[in-house]
Amino acid sequence: MAFPSLLFFTVLLLSFSYSISTNIEGNALHSLRTRLSDPNNVLQSWDPTLVSPCTWFHVTCDSNDHVVRLDLGNSNISGSLGSELGELKQLQYLELYHNNIGGKIPKELGKLKNLISMDLYGNKFEGNIPKSFAKLKSLRFLRLNDNKLTGSIPRELTTLSNLKVFDVSNNDLCGTIPVDGPFGSFSMESFEHNRLNGPELKGLVPYDFGC
């Protein structure tokens, strides 16, 4: 007779774990909402009283109700991002392009190990490109163009072997352009309209030359 009790306990535990994980993701997205100004009410459906954020507009979940995609491109939102986005552990697509989001890009985005695409272009982000992005080993698309980013391009990003598209044009970056890893295949258009000094010449000048 112990088997039904064990089965009930297992189902209860799984249900509890599911509730905890979806609450964490819902809380993270609600925290993001509090940071953003939303004149067009695109975030109106983001109801923090719901157990799961999977019914919210612009949020896509997988079959296990984990958030895998956040689509807020061209939404006329402004404000800033915070560390809470690092809680979306299963996120694969972060699409925030063509808004008015400013401030620094949170280093906690480096926790999103399943991220395939990060599109932050066409905003007002400033400060450095986080070195923590080097942890995003699944990343294929990283578009940071048309912002106000400064500093050099982190050499740690040359370890992202799956990176196919990298665009930092129209910022205020300095130093030299990496040539290792996938950077050997990116076009110069991906780096134009910065203060960059051209491709890195190893052993001749430091990578942050001119910064």
Protein backbone atom coordinates (compact mmCIF):
# COMPACT_ATOMS: atom_id res chain seq x y z
CA MET A 1 0.00 0.00 0.00
CA ALA A 2 3.04 2.27 0.16
CA PHE A 3 3.20 2.62 -3.62
CA PRO A 4 0.19 4.96 -4.08
CA SER A 5 1.49 7.19 -1.30
CA LEU A 6 4.91 7.32 -2.93
CA LEU A 7 3.35 8.12 -6.30
CA PHE A 8 1.24 10.89 -4.77
CA PHE A 9 4.30 12.34 -3.03
CA THR A 10 6.31 12.25 -6.28
CA VAL A 11 3.55 14.02 -8.23
CA LEU A 12 3.20 16.58 -5.46
CA LEU A 13 6.95 17.22 -5.43
CA LEU A 14 7.08 17.60 -9.21
CA SER A 15 4.12 19.96 -9.11
CA PHE A 16 5.81 22.00 -6.39
CA SER A 17 9.07 22.16 -8.35
CA TYR A 18 7.17 23.25 -11.46
CA SER A 19 5.37 25.96 -9.51
CA ILE A 20 8.63 27.24 -8.03
CA SER A 21 10.41 27.40 -11.41
CA THR A 22 7.53 29.13 -13.20
CA ASN A 23 7.15 31.57 -10.31
CA ILE A 24 10.84 32.46 -10.55
CA GLU A 25 10.51 33.17 -14.26
CA GLY A 26 7.26 35.07 -13.79
CA ASN A 27 8.80 37.14 -11.00
CA ALA A 28 11.82 37.90 -13.19
CA LEU A 29 9.64 39.14 -16.03
CA HIS A 30 7.48 41.17 -13.69
CA SER A 31 10.62 42.77 -12.24
CA LEU A 32 11.62 43.64 -15.79
CA ARG A 33 8.22 45.20 -16.38
CA THR A 34 8.62 47.48 -13.36
CA ARG A 35 11.84 48.85 -14.92
CA LEU A 36 10.22 49.69 -18.25
CA SER A 37 8.04 52.53 -19.47
CA ASP A 38 5.38 51.08 -21.75
CA PRO A 39 3.31 53.85 -23.44
CA ASN A 40 1.68 51.44 -25.90
CA ASN A 41 0.65 48.93 -23.20
CA VAL A 42 2.35 45.99 -24.91
CA LEU A 43 2.99 44.51 -21.45
CA GLN A 44 -0.60 44.84 -20.28
CA SER A 45 -1.09 41.06 -20.15
CA TRP A 46 1.89 40.55 -17.82
CA ASP A 47 -0.18 39.71 -14.73
CA PRO A 48 2.04 38.87 -11.72
CA THR A 49 -0.86 37.07 -9.97
CA LEU A 50 -0.77 34.22 -12.51
CA VAL A 51 1.26 31.11 -11.62
CA SER A 52 2.86 30.93 -15.06
CA PRO A 53 3.92 33.71 -17.47
CA CYS A 54 3.27 31.44 -20.46
CA THR A 55 -0.09 33.08 -21.22
CA TRP A 56 1.45 36.56 -21.44
CA PHE A 57 1.80 38.25 -24.82
CA HIS A 58 5.34 38.42 -26.27
CA VAL A 59 6.42 35.43 -24.11
CA THR A 60 6.91 31.95 -25.58
CA CYS A 61 7.30 28.81 -23.46
CA ASP A 62 8.38 25.25 -24.19
CA SER A 63 6.39 22.10 -23.42
CA ASN A 64 7.59 22.27 -19.80
CA ASP A 65 6.32 25.84 -19.42
CA HIS A 66 9.77 27.37 -19.27
CA VAL A 67 10.23 30.73 -20.96
CA VAL A 68 12.30 30.21 -24.12
CA ARG A 69 11.59 33.38 -26.06
CA LEU A 70 11.02 37.04 -25.20
CA ASP A 71 9.83 39.17 -28.13
CA LEU A 72 9.67 42.89 -27.40
CA GLY A 73 11.22 44.31 -30.54
CA ASN A 74 9.72 47.53 -31.93
CA SER A 75 7.58 47.99 -28.80
CA ASN A 76 8.40 51.65 -28.02
CA ILE A 77 9.50 50.70 -24.51
CA SER A 78 12.16 52.55 -22.52
CA GLY A 79 13.89 52.11 -19.19
CA SER A 80 16.65 49.67 -18.30
CA LEU A 81 17.40 45.97 -17.85
CA GLY A 82 18.29 44.36 -14.53
CA SER A 83 19.91 41.25 -13.15
CA GLU A 84 16.54 39.48 -12.99
CA LEU A 85 16.81 38.45 -16.65
CA GLY A 86 19.52 36.03 -15.58
CA GLU A 87 16.79 33.91 -13.94
CA LEU A 88 15.32 32.90 -17.31
CA LYS A 89 17.58 29.84 -17.43
CA GLN A 90 15.94 28.22 -20.47
CA LEU A 91 15.74 31.39 -22.58
CA GLN A 92 16.86 30.89 -26.19
CA TYR A 93 15.82 34.14 -27.87
CA LEU A 94 16.08 37.62 -26.36
CA GLU A 95 14.59 40.11 -28.83
CA LEU A 96 14.59 43.70 -27.55
CA TYR A 97 15.65 45.52 -30.72
CA HIS A 98 14.47 48.99 -31.81
CA ASN A 99 13.34 50.41 -28.49
CA ASN A 100 14.66 53.16 -26.21
CA ILE A 101 16.18 50.96 -23.51
CA GLY A 102 19.27 52.48 -21.90
CA GLY A 103 21.74 51.94 -19.10
CA LYS A 104 24.27 49.14 -18.96
CA ILE A 105 23.77 45.65 -20.34
CA PRO A 106 23.53 43.39 -17.25
CA LYS A 107 26.42 40.96 -16.86
CA GLU A 108 23.84 38.45 -15.59
CA LEU A 109 22.79 37.81 -19.19
CA GLY A 110 25.89 35.62 -19.24
CA LYS A 111 23.90 33.09 -17.16
CA LEU A 112 21.58 32.33 -20.07
CA LYS A 113 23.49 29.24 -21.22
CA ASN A 114 20.78 28.18 -23.70
CA LEU A 115 20.67 31.53 -25.50
CA ILE A 116 20.85 31.25 -29.29
CA SER A 117 20.04 34.83 -30.30
CA MET A 118 20.43 38.16 -28.50
CA ASP A 119 19.17 41.19 -30.41
CA LEU A 120 19.66 44.42 -28.46
CA TYR A 121 20.33 46.64 -31.47
CA GLY A 122 18.70 50.02 -31.97
CA ASN A 123 18.54 51.07 -28.32
CA LYS A 124 20.49 53.40 -26.03
CA PHE A 125 22.66 50.91 -24.14
CA GLU A 126 25.92 52.32 -22.81
CA GLY A 127 28.98 51.07 -20.99
CA ASN A 128 31.00 47.98 -21.87
CA ILE A 129 30.03 44.76 -23.60
CA PRO A 130 29.94 42.26 -20.68
CA LYS A 131 32.78 39.74 -20.66
CA SER A 132 30.28 37.28 -19.20
CA PHE A 133 28.86 36.82 -22.71
CA ALA A 134 31.77 34.43 -23.26
CA LYS A 135 29.76 31.87 -21.22
CA LEU A 136 27.02 31.78 -23.86
CA LYS A 137 28.39 28.79 -25.76
CA SER A 138 25.14 28.21 -27.69
CA LEU A 139 25.00 31.79 -28.96
CA ARG A 140 24.79 32.16 -32.75
CA PHE A 141 23.52 35.71 -33.19
CA LEU A 142 24.71 38.72 -31.18
CA ARG A 143 23.56 42.08 -32.51
CA LEU A 144 24.46 45.13 -30.42
CA ASN A 145 24.66 47.69 -33.21
CA ASP A 146 23.22 51.20 -33.03
CA ASN A 147 23.70 51.80 -29.32
CA LYS A 148 26.12 53.90 -27.25
CA LEU A 149 28.48 51.16 -26.11
CA THR A 150 32.05 52.06 -25.13
CA GLY A 151 35.29 50.25 -24.29
CA SER A 152 36.95 47.48 -26.25
CA ILE A 153 35.49 44.28 -27.67
CA PRO A 154 36.11 41.58 -25.02
CA ARG A 155 38.66 39.04 -26.28
CA GLU A 156 36.78 36.40 -24.29
CA LEU A 157 34.12 36.42 -27.04
CA THR A 158 36.54 34.74 -29.45
CA THR A 159 35.81 31.45 -27.64
CA LEU A 160 32.17 31.47 -28.89
CA SER A 161 32.67 28.86 -31.60
CA ASN A 162 28.98 28.79 -32.62
CA LEU A 163 28.76 32.55 -33.21
CA LYS A 164 27.66 33.22 -36.80
CA VAL A 165 26.58 36.87 -36.68
CA PHE A 166 28.21 39.61 -34.60
CA ASP A 167 27.34 43.26 -35.19
CA VAL A 168 28.56 46.18 -33.05
CA SER A 169 28.47 48.88 -35.74
CA ASN A 170 27.40 52.40 -34.83
CA ASN A 171 28.61 52.51 -31.24
CA ASP A 172 31.59 54.22 -29.61
CA LEU A 173 33.86 51.19 -29.17
CA CYS A 174 37.65 51.52 -29.18
CA GLY A 175 40.69 49.28 -29.42
CA THR A 176 41.30 46.70 -32.14
CA ILE A 177 39.06 44.06 -33.73
CA PRO A 178 39.66 40.44 -32.65
CA VAL A 179 40.80 38.01 -35.32
CA ASP A 180 40.64 34.70 -33.43
CA GLY A 181 37.83 32.16 -33.49
CA PRO A 182 34.68 33.17 -35.38
CA PHE A 183 35.86 36.78 -35.64
CA GLY A 184 37.99 35.83 -38.61
CA SER A 185 34.83 35.44 -40.70
CA PHE A 186 32.88 38.59 -39.74
CA SER A 187 32.73 41.39 -42.30
CA MET A 188 34.18 44.81 -41.54
CA GLU A 189 30.66 46.27 -41.83
CA SER A 190 29.95 44.61 -38.47
CA PHE A 191 32.44 46.99 -36.83
CA GLU A 192 32.08 50.25 -38.77
CA HIS A 193 31.28 53.65 -37.25
CA ASN A 194 33.19 53.12 -34.01
CA ARG A 195 36.63 54.27 -32.87
CA LEU A 196 38.16 50.89 -33.61
CA ASN A 197 41.69 50.70 -35.02
CA GLY A 198 41.19 47.83 -37.42
CA PRO A 199 42.05 44.14 -37.02
CA GLU A 200 44.34 43.12 -34.19
CA LEU A 201 48.00 42.68 -35.10
CA LYS A 202 49.22 40.15 -32.57
CA GLY A 203 52.39 41.02 -30.75
CA LEU A 204 52.56 44.48 -32.28
CA VAL A 205 49.95 46.52 -30.46
CA PRO A 206 47.77 45.78 -27.42
CA TYR A 207 44.15 44.87 -28.25
CA ASP A 208 42.90 47.93 -26.36
CA PHE A 209 45.20 50.27 -28.30
CA GLY A 210 43.49 53.63 -28.70
CA CYS A 211 41.05 53.20 -25.79
